[in-house]
Every structure is written in structure tokens, then in C-alpha cells.
Amino acid sequence: MPVHHLCTLTGLRPDGSPHVVPVGVTVDPDAGVARVITRKSSRKVAHFQAAAGHARVAVCQVDGGHWATLEGVAKVNADPVAVEDAVAHYAERYGRTPAPDPERVVIEITVDRAMGQVHVRKAPGESRPRPPGGLTTGGRLPRGPTSVLPRGLALTRVRA
């Protein structure tokens, strides 16, 4: 059964002050993208659109002593196919499909930095374990079918 893992999305207001909101997030490590569904009338959408393609953001999830932060550039995508795909991934992760909303858009975050506690596994033939996909603290989002994100957290792969 999917668990509701609440995250925070932090962006900047036009005056430079932080704007932090609770959100549901899905992550596609193969694409290097985190996604948030929201309404096009939301403040976060207005802030990201005002940044004209340069909206630096961070998504953070904390579960006890375990945490993960993904950083990158956010863009707002209103394309119906992209929104439908994001809603499907949200439904898979959170176990519920949001009610239809003609105002829905998807915030797509191109992840360029991932931080947090990470499971490490020893690959066959290796003498010491390494983070899957080359992820290290401060590293890039892992890629590939064996990628694992921070222990105890659900910023996990969604099925394509």
C-alpha cells in the first residue's frame, strides 16, 4: 500500500525570500526529473513563471532521522499529456488519483543535485560498496534500474 510521503518545495519569491509549501512529489531517476502537480493559479507557479526558466528550487522529504533533498531548476508545464502522466505517477506513489482539475499543471524539476542518506550496495566483483548510479552526498540523481534513493524515504522510481 502506498504511503503518503509529504515533502516541502522551496522556491524563491520575486523579492528573494523563500516560499516553502507542502507538496506530493514523484521522481523519475531515469529522466532526472521530480514532478509536483498543482493548480496554475498557485503562488508557486507564479513565482516560477516570473523566474523565466531560472527558478532554482529544492524538494525535501524528512522521515525521522532520514532525509533527502533534490535541487534543480523548475519549469511549469501545462501540456495535457505531461499533466496526465504526472497525475498517473502521483496516483501510483500516493495510492489515490486526484479529482480532475482543468487548472492543473505540473512543475517539472530538472534535478542537478541530490543529497541525503543513501543505501549502498556492493556490486559483484567490487571490494567495497558504492552508492547505486554513482550517487554520493551532493551527487547527481542516480540513474538506471538498480538506483536506490535515500534509505527509509519514498523519493523512488516510478514505472514508465
C-alpha atoms as a PDB file:
ATOM      1  CA  MET A   1       0.000   0.000   0.000  1.00  0.00           C
ATOM      2  CA  PRO A   2       1.441   3.396  -0.922  1.00  0.00           C
ATOM      3  CA  VAL A   3       2.333   5.735   1.920  1.00  0.00           C
ATOM      4  CA  HIS A   4       1.754   9.475   1.842  1.00  0.00           C
ATOM      5  CA  HIS A   5       5.234  10.972   1.990  1.00  0.00           C
ATOM      6  CA  LEU A   6       4.779  14.690   2.373  1.00  0.00           C
ATOM      7  CA  CYS A   7       7.609  16.837   1.058  1.00  0.00           C
ATOM      8  CA  THR A   8       8.404  20.522   1.079  1.00  0.00           C
ATOM      9  CA  LEU A   9       9.036  22.514  -2.064  1.00  0.00           C
ATOM     10  CA  THR A  10      11.160  25.608  -1.560  1.00  0.00           C
ATOM     11  CA  GLY A  11      11.433  28.278  -4.218  1.00  0.00           C
ATOM     12  CA  LEU A  12      12.090  31.993  -4.185  1.00  0.00           C
ATOM     13  CA  ARG A  13       9.640  34.837  -4.320  1.00  0.00           C
ATOM     14  CA  PRO A  14      10.491  37.719  -6.669  1.00  0.00           C
ATOM     15  CA  ASP A  15      11.894  39.630  -3.649  1.00  0.00           C
ATOM     16  CA  GLY A  16      14.317  36.746  -2.955  1.00  0.00           C
ATOM     17  CA  SER A  17      12.615  35.465   0.195  1.00  0.00           C
ATOM     18  CA  PRO A  18      11.926  31.722   0.431  1.00  0.00           C
ATOM     19  CA  HIS A  19       8.489  30.321  -0.323  1.00  0.00           C
ATOM     20  CA  VAL A  20       8.071  26.877   1.284  1.00  0.00           C
ATOM     21  CA  VAL A  21       4.983  24.737   0.713  1.00  0.00           C
ATOM     22  CA  PRO A  22       3.991  21.121   1.438  1.00  0.00           C
ATOM     23  CA  VAL A  23       3.626  19.000  -1.704  1.00  0.00           C
ATOM     24  CA  GLY A  24       3.455  15.461  -3.003  1.00  0.00           C
ATOM     25  CA  VAL A  25       6.402  14.621  -5.259  1.00  0.00           C
ATOM     26  CA  THR A  26       7.214  11.876  -7.733  1.00  0.00           C
ATOM     27  CA  VAL A  27      10.701  11.252  -9.041  1.00  0.00           C
ATOM     28  CA  ASP A  28      11.839   9.694 -12.294  1.00  0.00           C
ATOM     29  CA  PRO A  29      15.558   8.941 -11.804  1.00  0.00           C
ATOM     30  CA  ASP A  30      15.976   7.816 -15.420  1.00  0.00           C
ATOM     31  CA  ALA A  31      14.771  11.198 -16.683  1.00  0.00           C
ATOM     32  CA  GLY A  32      16.434  13.121 -13.831  1.00  0.00           C
ATOM     33  CA  VAL A  33      13.134  14.863 -13.092  1.00  0.00           C
ATOM     34  CA  ALA A  34      10.990  15.374  -9.990  1.00  0.00           C
ATOM     35  CA  ARG A  35       7.364  16.358 -10.538  1.00  0.00           C
ATOM     36  CA  VAL A  36       4.749  18.205  -8.497  1.00  0.00           C
ATOM     37  CA  ILE A  37       1.148  18.587  -9.617  1.00  0.00           C
ATOM     38  CA  THR A  38      -0.597  21.808  -8.657  1.00  0.00           C
ATOM     39  CA  ARG A  39      -3.026  24.478  -9.876  1.00  0.00           C
ATOM     40  CA  LYS A  40      -1.886  27.081 -12.368  1.00  0.00           C
ATOM     41  CA  SER A  41      -3.265  29.803 -10.066  1.00  0.00           C
ATOM     42  CA  SER A  42      -0.939  28.846  -7.176  1.00  0.00           C
ATOM     43  CA  ARG A  43       1.686  31.265  -5.841  1.00  0.00           C
ATOM     44  CA  LYS A  44       4.491  28.784  -6.518  1.00  0.00           C
ATOM     45  CA  VAL A  45       3.537  28.652 -10.191  1.00  0.00           C
ATOM     46  CA  ALA A  46       3.511  32.460 -10.364  1.00  0.00           C
ATOM     47  CA  HIS A  47       6.959  32.620  -8.729  1.00  0.00           C
ATOM     48  CA  PHE A  48       8.446  30.008 -11.066  1.00  0.00           C
ATOM     49  CA  GLN A  49       6.965  31.641 -14.158  1.00  0.00           C
ATOM     50  CA  ALA A  50       8.320  35.028 -13.043  1.00  0.00           C
ATOM     51  CA  ALA A  51      11.799  33.466 -12.914  1.00  0.00           C
ATOM     52  CA  ALA A  52      11.545  32.779 -16.676  1.00  0.00           C
ATOM     53  CA  GLY A  53      13.192  29.356 -16.732  1.00  0.00           C
ATOM     54  CA  HIS A  54      15.697  30.080 -13.963  1.00  0.00           C
ATOM     55  CA  ALA A  55      13.663  29.093 -10.886  1.00  0.00           C
ATOM     56  CA  ARG A  56      16.059  27.270  -8.537  1.00  0.00           C
ATOM     57  CA  VAL A  57      14.141  25.032  -6.146  1.00  0.00           C
ATOM     58  CA  ALA A  58      14.636  22.312  -3.560  1.00  0.00           C
ATOM     59  CA  VAL A  59      12.333  19.440  -2.659  1.00  0.00           C
ATOM     60  CA  CYS A  60      12.919  17.885   0.751  1.00  0.00           C
ATOM     61  CA  GLN A  61      11.427  14.888   2.495  1.00  0.00           C
ATOM     62  CA  VAL A  62      12.157  14.034   6.131  1.00  0.00           C
ATOM     63  CA  ASP A  63      11.199  10.813   7.870  1.00  0.00           C
ATOM     64  CA  GLY A  64      12.627  10.719  11.388  1.00  0.00           C
ATOM     65  CA  GLY A  65      16.403  10.845  11.031  1.00  0.00           C
ATOM     66  CA  HIS A  66      16.286  10.024   7.328  1.00  0.00           C
ATOM     67  CA  TRP A  67      16.039  12.759   4.747  1.00  0.00           C
ATOM     68  CA  ALA A  68      16.514  13.514   1.086  1.00  0.00           C
ATOM     69  CA  THR A  69      16.826  16.798  -0.753  1.00  0.00           C
ATOM     70  CA  LEU A  70      16.677  17.192  -4.517  1.00  0.00           C
ATOM     71  CA  GLU A  71      17.688  20.515  -6.058  1.00  0.00           C
ATOM     72  CA  GLY A  72      17.254  21.793  -9.576  1.00  0.00           C
ATOM     73  CA  VAL A  73      15.523  24.166 -11.939  1.00  0.00           C
ATOM     74  CA  ALA A  74      11.719  24.201 -12.049  1.00  0.00           C
ATOM     75  CA  LYS A  75       9.543  24.890 -15.040  1.00  0.00           C
ATOM     76  CA  VAL A  76       5.780  24.885 -15.286  1.00  0.00           C
ATOM     77  CA  ASN A  77       4.287  22.576 -17.908  1.00  0.00           C
ATOM     78  CA  ALA A  78       0.594  22.871 -18.816  1.00  0.00           C
ATOM     79  CA  ASP A  79       0.718  20.312 -21.642  1.00  0.00           C
ATOM     80  CA  PRO A  80      -2.259  17.963 -21.067  1.00  0.00           C
ATOM     81  CA  VAL A  81      -0.193  14.848 -21.831  1.00  0.00           C
ATOM     82  CA  ALA A  82       2.532  15.859 -19.350  1.00  0.00           C
ATOM     83  CA  VAL A  83      -0.083  16.673 -16.713  1.00  0.00           C
ATOM     84  CA  GLU A  84      -1.873  13.348 -17.265  1.00  0.00           C
ATOM     85  CA  ASP A  85       1.442  11.479 -16.947  1.00  0.00           C
ATOM     86  CA  ALA A  86       2.316  13.353 -13.732  1.00  0.00           C
ATOM     87  CA  VAL A  87      -1.123  12.587 -12.279  1.00  0.00           C
ATOM     88  CA  ALA A  88      -0.678   8.881 -13.115  1.00  0.00           C
ATOM     89  CA  HIS A  89       2.702   8.793 -11.345  1.00  0.00           C
ATOM     90  CA  TYR A  90       1.220  10.661  -8.370  1.00  0.00           C
ATOM     91  CA  ALA A  91      -1.614   8.113  -8.178  1.00  0.00           C
ATOM     92  CA  GLU A  92       0.893   5.259  -8.265  1.00  0.00           C
ATOM     93  CA  ARG A  93       3.025   6.726  -5.491  1.00  0.00           C
ATOM     94  CA  TYR A  94       0.282   8.001  -3.213  1.00  0.00           C
ATOM     95  CA  GLY A  95      -2.391   5.383  -3.884  1.00  0.00           C
ATOM     96  CA  ARG A  96      -5.098   7.809  -4.942  1.00  0.00           C
ATOM     97  CA  THR A  97      -5.983   9.649  -8.118  1.00  0.00           C
ATOM     98  CA  PRO A  98      -6.632  13.363  -7.650  1.00  0.00           C
ATOM     99  CA  ALA A  99     -10.012  14.640  -8.822  1.00  0.00           C
ATOM    100  CA  PRO A 100      -9.951  16.049 -12.359  1.00  0.00           C
ATOM    101  CA  ASP A 101      -8.959  19.712 -12.402  1.00  0.00           C
ATOM    102  CA  PRO A 102      -8.835  21.810 -15.595  1.00  0.00           C
ATOM    103  CA  GLU A 103      -6.494  24.221 -13.753  1.00  0.00           C
ATOM    104  CA  ARG A 104      -3.881  21.515 -13.083  1.00  0.00           C
ATOM    105  CA  VAL A 105      -0.302  21.937 -14.275  1.00  0.00           C
ATOM    106  CA  VAL A 106       2.875  20.033 -13.487  1.00  0.00           C
ATOM    107  CA  ILE A 107       6.017  21.577 -12.062  1.00  0.00           C
ATOM    108  CA  GLU A 108       8.945  19.696 -13.580  1.00  0.00           C
ATOM    109  CA  ILE A 109      12.207  19.961 -11.676  1.00  0.00           C
ATOM    110  CA  THR A 110      15.323  19.048 -13.620  1.00  0.00           C
ATOM    111  CA  VAL A 111      17.387  17.620 -10.771  1.00  0.00           C
ATOM    112  CA  ASP A 112      21.055  18.560 -10.718  1.00  0.00           C
ATOM    113  CA  ARG A 113      21.867  17.751  -7.086  1.00  0.00           C
ATOM    114  CA  ALA A 114      20.694  15.041  -4.666  1.00  0.00           C
ATOM    115  CA  MET A 115      21.613  14.898  -1.001  1.00  0.00           C
ATOM    116  CA  GLY A 116      20.725  12.581   1.866  1.00  0.00           C
ATOM    117  CA  GLN A 117      21.451   9.236   3.454  1.00  0.00           C
ATOM    118  CA  VAL A 118      21.804   6.646   0.744  1.00  0.00           C
ATOM    119  CA  HIS A 119      21.685   2.862   0.691  1.00  0.00           C
ATOM    120  CA  VAL A 120      24.952   1.464  -0.587  1.00  0.00           C
ATOM    121  CA  ARG A 121      25.346  -1.969  -2.112  1.00  0.00           C
ATOM    122  CA  LYS A 122      28.409  -3.901  -3.099  1.00  0.00           C
ATOM    123  CA  ALA A 123      28.269  -4.760  -6.777  1.00  0.00           C
ATOM    124  CA  PRO A 124      29.515  -8.192  -7.865  1.00  0.00           C
ATOM    125  CA  GLY A 125      33.295  -8.097  -8.086  1.00  0.00           C
ATOM    126  CA  GLU A 126      33.672  -4.877  -6.076  1.00  0.00           C
ATOM    127  CA  SER A 127      35.682  -4.791  -2.875  1.00  0.00           C
ATOM    128  CA  ARG A 128      33.637  -2.030  -1.249  1.00  0.00           C
ATOM    129  CA  PRO A 129      30.062  -0.840  -1.557  1.00  0.00           C
ATOM    130  CA  ARG A 130      29.220   2.192  -3.621  1.00  0.00           C
ATOM    131  CA  PRO A 131      26.046   4.199  -3.992  1.00  0.00           C
ATOM    132  CA  PRO A 132      23.965   2.929  -6.903  1.00  0.00           C
ATOM    133  CA  GLY A 133      24.128   5.043 -10.006  1.00  0.00           C
ATOM    134  CA  GLY A 134      27.182   6.834  -8.629  1.00  0.00           C
ATOM    135  CA  LEU A 135      25.134   8.879  -6.139  1.00  0.00           C
ATOM    136  CA  THR A 136      27.149  10.455  -3.370  1.00  0.00           C
ATOM    137  CA  THR A 137      26.187  13.137  -0.902  1.00  0.00           C
ATOM    138  CA  GLY A 138      25.917  16.204  -3.057  1.00  0.00           C
ATOM    139  CA  GLY A 139      25.850  13.995  -6.142  1.00  0.00           C
ATOM    140  CA  ARG A 140      23.513  13.700  -9.070  1.00  0.00           C
ATOM    141  CA  LEU A 141      20.250  11.830  -9.123  1.00  0.00           C
ATOM    142  CA  PRO A 142      21.008   8.130  -9.684  1.00  0.00           C
ATOM    143  CA  ARG A 143      20.003   6.546 -12.959  1.00  0.00           C
ATOM    144  CA  GLY A 144      19.353   3.037 -14.126  1.00  0.00           C
ATOM    145  CA  PRO A 145      17.262   0.104 -12.977  1.00  0.00           C
ATOM    146  CA  THR A 146      19.230  -0.550  -9.763  1.00  0.00           C
ATOM    147  CA  SER A 147      19.116   3.014  -8.477  1.00  0.00           C
ATOM    148  CA  VAL A 148      18.088   3.468  -4.867  1.00  0.00           C
ATOM    149  CA  LEU A 149      17.419   6.812  -3.235  1.00  0.00           C
ATOM    150  CA  PRO A 150      17.859   7.625   0.457  1.00  0.00           C
ATOM    151  CA  ARG A 151      17.084   4.919   2.996  1.00  0.00           C
ATOM    152  CA  GLY A 152      13.631   4.943   4.501  1.00  0.00           C
ATOM    153  CA  LEU A 153      12.319   7.534   2.089  1.00  0.00           C
ATOM    154  CA  ALA A 154       9.995   7.200  -0.832  1.00  0.00           C
ATOM    155  CA  LEU A 155      11.513   9.554  -3.356  1.00  0.00           C
ATOM    156  CA  THR A 156      11.578   6.460  -5.504  1.00  0.00           C
ATOM    157  CA  ARG A 157      11.416   5.436  -9.093  1.00  0.00           C
ATOM    158  CA  VAL A 158       8.080   5.467 -10.808  1.00  0.00           C
ATOM    159  CA  ARG A 159       7.286   2.971 -13.513  1.00  0.00           C
ATOM    160  CA  ALA A 160       7.399   4.370 -17.017  1.00  0.00           C
END
